[in-house]
C-alpha atoms as a PDB file:
ATOM      1  CA  MET A   1      97.314 121.007  84.054  1.00  0.00           C
ATOM      2  CA  LYS A   2      96.687 122.508  87.464  1.00  0.00           C
ATOM      3  CA  CYS A   3      93.121 121.652  88.775  1.00  0.00           C
ATOM      4  CA  ILE A   4      91.246 123.879  90.879  1.00  0.00           C
ATOM      5  CA  SER A   5      88.366 122.128  92.546  1.00  0.00           C
ATOM      6  CA  VAL A   6      85.255 124.672  93.416  1.00  0.00           C
ATOM      7  CA  TYR A   7      82.939 123.059  95.580  1.00  0.00           C
ATOM      8  CA  THR A   8      79.412 124.375  94.710  1.00  0.00           C
ATOM      9  CA  ASP A   9      76.660 123.051  92.369  1.00  0.00           C
ATOM     10  CA  ASN A  10      75.206 126.842  91.975  1.00  0.00           C
ATOM     11  CA  PHE A  11      76.201 127.837  88.431  1.00  0.00           C
ATOM     12  CA  ALA A  12      75.220 131.689  89.182  1.00  0.00           C
ATOM     13  CA  LEU A  13      77.573 131.809  92.181  1.00  0.00           C
ATOM     14  CA  PHE A  14      80.345 129.787  90.454  1.00  0.00           C
ATOM     15  CA  SER A  15      80.439 132.581  87.755  1.00  0.00           C
ATOM     16  CA  ASP A  16      80.301 135.585  90.640  1.00  0.00           C
ATOM     17  CA  ILE A  17      83.378 134.090  92.261  1.00  0.00           C
ATOM     18  CA  PHE A  18      85.124 132.699  89.021  1.00  0.00           C
ATOM     19  CA  GLU A  19      87.686 135.671  88.435  1.00  0.00           C
ATOM     20  CA  PHE A  20      88.452 135.951  92.062  1.00  0.00           C
ATOM     21  CA  VAL A  21      89.319 131.959  91.946  1.00  0.00           C
ATOM     22  CA  VAL A  22      91.272 132.275  88.847  1.00  0.00           C
ATOM     23  CA  GLU A  23      93.309 135.228  90.283  1.00  0.00           C
ATOM     24  CA  SER A  24      93.960 133.382  93.505  1.00  0.00           C
ATOM     25  CA  GLN A  25      95.009 129.888  92.346  1.00  0.00           C
ATOM     26  CA  SER A  26      98.388 131.112  91.718  1.00  0.00           C
ATOM     27  CA  LYS A  27      98.741 131.670  95.468  1.00  0.00           C
ATOM     28  CA  LEU A  28      97.695 128.357  96.494  1.00  0.00           C
ATOM     29  CA  SER A  29      99.866 125.548  97.508  1.00  0.00           C
ATOM     30  CA  GLU A  30      98.748 122.071  96.521  1.00  0.00           C
ATOM     31  CA  ASN A  31      95.630 120.606  98.822  1.00  0.00           C
ATOM     32  CA  GLU A  32      95.422 124.253 100.275  1.00  0.00           C
ATOM     33  CA  GLU A  33      91.821 125.317 100.623  1.00  0.00           C
ATOM     34  CA  GLN A  34      90.466 128.962 100.642  1.00  0.00           C
ATOM     35  CA  GLU A  35      86.740 130.217 100.800  1.00  0.00           C
ATOM     36  CA  VAL A  36      84.954 133.020  98.968  1.00  0.00           C
ATOM     37  CA  GLU A  37      81.441 133.842  99.674  1.00  0.00           C
ATOM     38  CA  GLY A  38      80.808 130.610 101.690  1.00  0.00           C
ATOM     39  CA  VAL A  39      82.140 128.497  98.553  1.00  0.00           C
ATOM     40  CA  THR A  40      85.321 126.611  99.250  1.00  0.00           C
ATOM     41  CA  PHE A  41      88.068 125.954  96.585  1.00  0.00           C
ATOM     42  CA  THR A  42      91.169 123.940  96.610  1.00  0.00           C
ATOM     43  CA  HIS A  43      94.274 123.436  94.486  1.00  0.00           C
ATOM     44  CA  SER A  44      93.622 119.622  93.780  1.00  0.00           C
ATOM     45  CA  GLY A  45      96.891 119.031  92.428  1.00  0.00           C
ATOM     46  CA  ASP A  46      97.968 118.384  88.606  1.00  0.00           C
ATOM     47  CA  ALA A  47      95.511 116.707  86.183  1.00  0.00           C
ATOM     48  CA  PRO A  48      97.026 114.384  83.580  1.00  0.00           C
ATOM     49  CA  GLU A  49      95.973 115.080  79.958  1.00  0.00           C
ATOM     50  CA  HIS A  50      94.303 111.723  79.746  1.00  0.00           C
ATOM     51  CA  TYR A  51      91.917 113.077  82.917  1.00  0.00           C
ATOM     52  CA  LEU A  52      90.517 115.658  80.569  1.00  0.00           C
ATOM     53  CA  GLU A  53      89.908 113.166  77.744  1.00  0.00           C
ATOM     54  CA  ARG A  54      88.258 110.804  80.034  1.00  0.00           C
ATOM     55  CA  MET A  55      85.944 113.632  81.727  1.00  0.00           C
ATOM     56  CA  VAL A  56      84.642 115.266  78.251  1.00  0.00           C
ATOM     57  CA  GLN A  57      83.295 111.830  77.287  1.00  0.00           C
ATOM     58  CA  LYS A  58      80.633 111.279  80.415  1.00  0.00           C
ATOM     59  CA  PRO A  59      77.645 112.400  79.622  1.00  0.00           C
ATOM     60  CA  GLU A  60      77.178 113.819  83.524  1.00  0.00           C
ATOM     61  CA  VAL A  61      79.719 116.248  82.651  1.00  0.00           C
ATOM     62  CA  VAL A  62      79.559 119.897  81.409  1.00  0.00           C
ATOM     63  CA  VAL A  63      82.387 121.219  79.432  1.00  0.00           C
ATOM     64  CA  MET A  64      83.084 125.102  79.144  1.00  0.00           C
ATOM     65  CA  LYS A  65      86.063 126.893  77.783  1.00  0.00           C
ATOM     66  CA  ASP A  66      87.716 130.219  78.505  1.00  0.00           C
ATOM     67  CA  LYS A  67      89.644 130.266  75.240  1.00  0.00           C
ATOM     68  CA  SER A  68      91.264 133.839  75.948  1.00  0.00           C
ATOM     69  CA  ARG A  69      93.129 132.090  78.720  1.00  0.00           C
ATOM     70  CA  GLY A  70      93.032 128.438  77.685  1.00  0.00           C
ATOM     71  CA  LEU A  71      91.263 127.346  80.768  1.00  0.00           C
ATOM     72  CA  THR A  72      88.696 124.054  80.766  1.00  0.00           C
ATOM     73  CA  ILE A  73      85.962 124.089  83.321  1.00  0.00           C
ATOM     74  CA  LEU A  74      84.398 120.859  84.112  1.00  0.00           C
ATOM     75  CA  GLN A  75      81.330 120.760  86.162  1.00  0.00           C
ATOM     76  CA  HIS A  76      79.885 117.549  87.368  1.00  0.00           C
ATOM     77  CA  GLY A  77      77.587 117.118  90.504  1.00  0.00           C
ATOM     78  CA  SER A  78      78.588 119.597  93.146  1.00  0.00           C
ATOM     79  CA  VAL A  79      81.881 120.602  91.692  1.00  0.00           C
ATOM     80  CA  PHE A  80      83.625 122.602  89.140  1.00  0.00           C
ATOM     81  CA  GLU A  81      87.044 121.720  87.984  1.00  0.00           C
ATOM     82  CA  ILE A  82      89.081 124.806  86.673  1.00  0.00           C
ATOM     83  CA  LEU A  83      92.021 122.979  84.457  1.00  0.00           C
ATOM     84  CA  ILE A  84      94.946 125.718  84.020  1.00  0.00           C
ATOM     85  CA  PRO A  85      97.502 124.918  81.641  1.00  0.00           C
ATOM     86  CA  THR A  86     101.032 124.883  83.183  1.00  0.00           C
ATOM     87  CA  GLU A  87     103.978 126.055  81.822  1.00  0.00           C
ATOM     88  CA  GLU A  88     105.419 122.467  80.895  1.00  0.00           C
ATOM     89  CA  SER A  89     102.077 121.494  79.131  1.00  0.00           C
ATOM     90  CA  SER A  90     102.026 124.674  77.135  1.00  0.00           C
ATOM     91  CA  LEU A  91     105.564 124.068  76.094  1.00  0.00           C
ATOM     92  CA  LEU A  92     104.658 120.520  75.046  1.00  0.00           C
ATOM     93  CA  SER A  93     101.918 121.618  72.747  1.00  0.00           C
END
């Protein structure tokens, strides 16, 4: 799964820029940063399957799903992580 980190703790602002971030993520190289509306987001690399399993068990982590696109969004502290299935992980499922 590809992980896009969005550095904000403001849910309303995250919601406003979410579509832009998801649309822009395919153009990002690993560890490349971009900024939109004063919020930095970056391609944080690939997250292994066990990362999601481990994170959803933590009480301080909020888990959201966009079922239509297969996205999982984790919010903890001042960061949102958008987990995007890659071709490989989609084929394994």
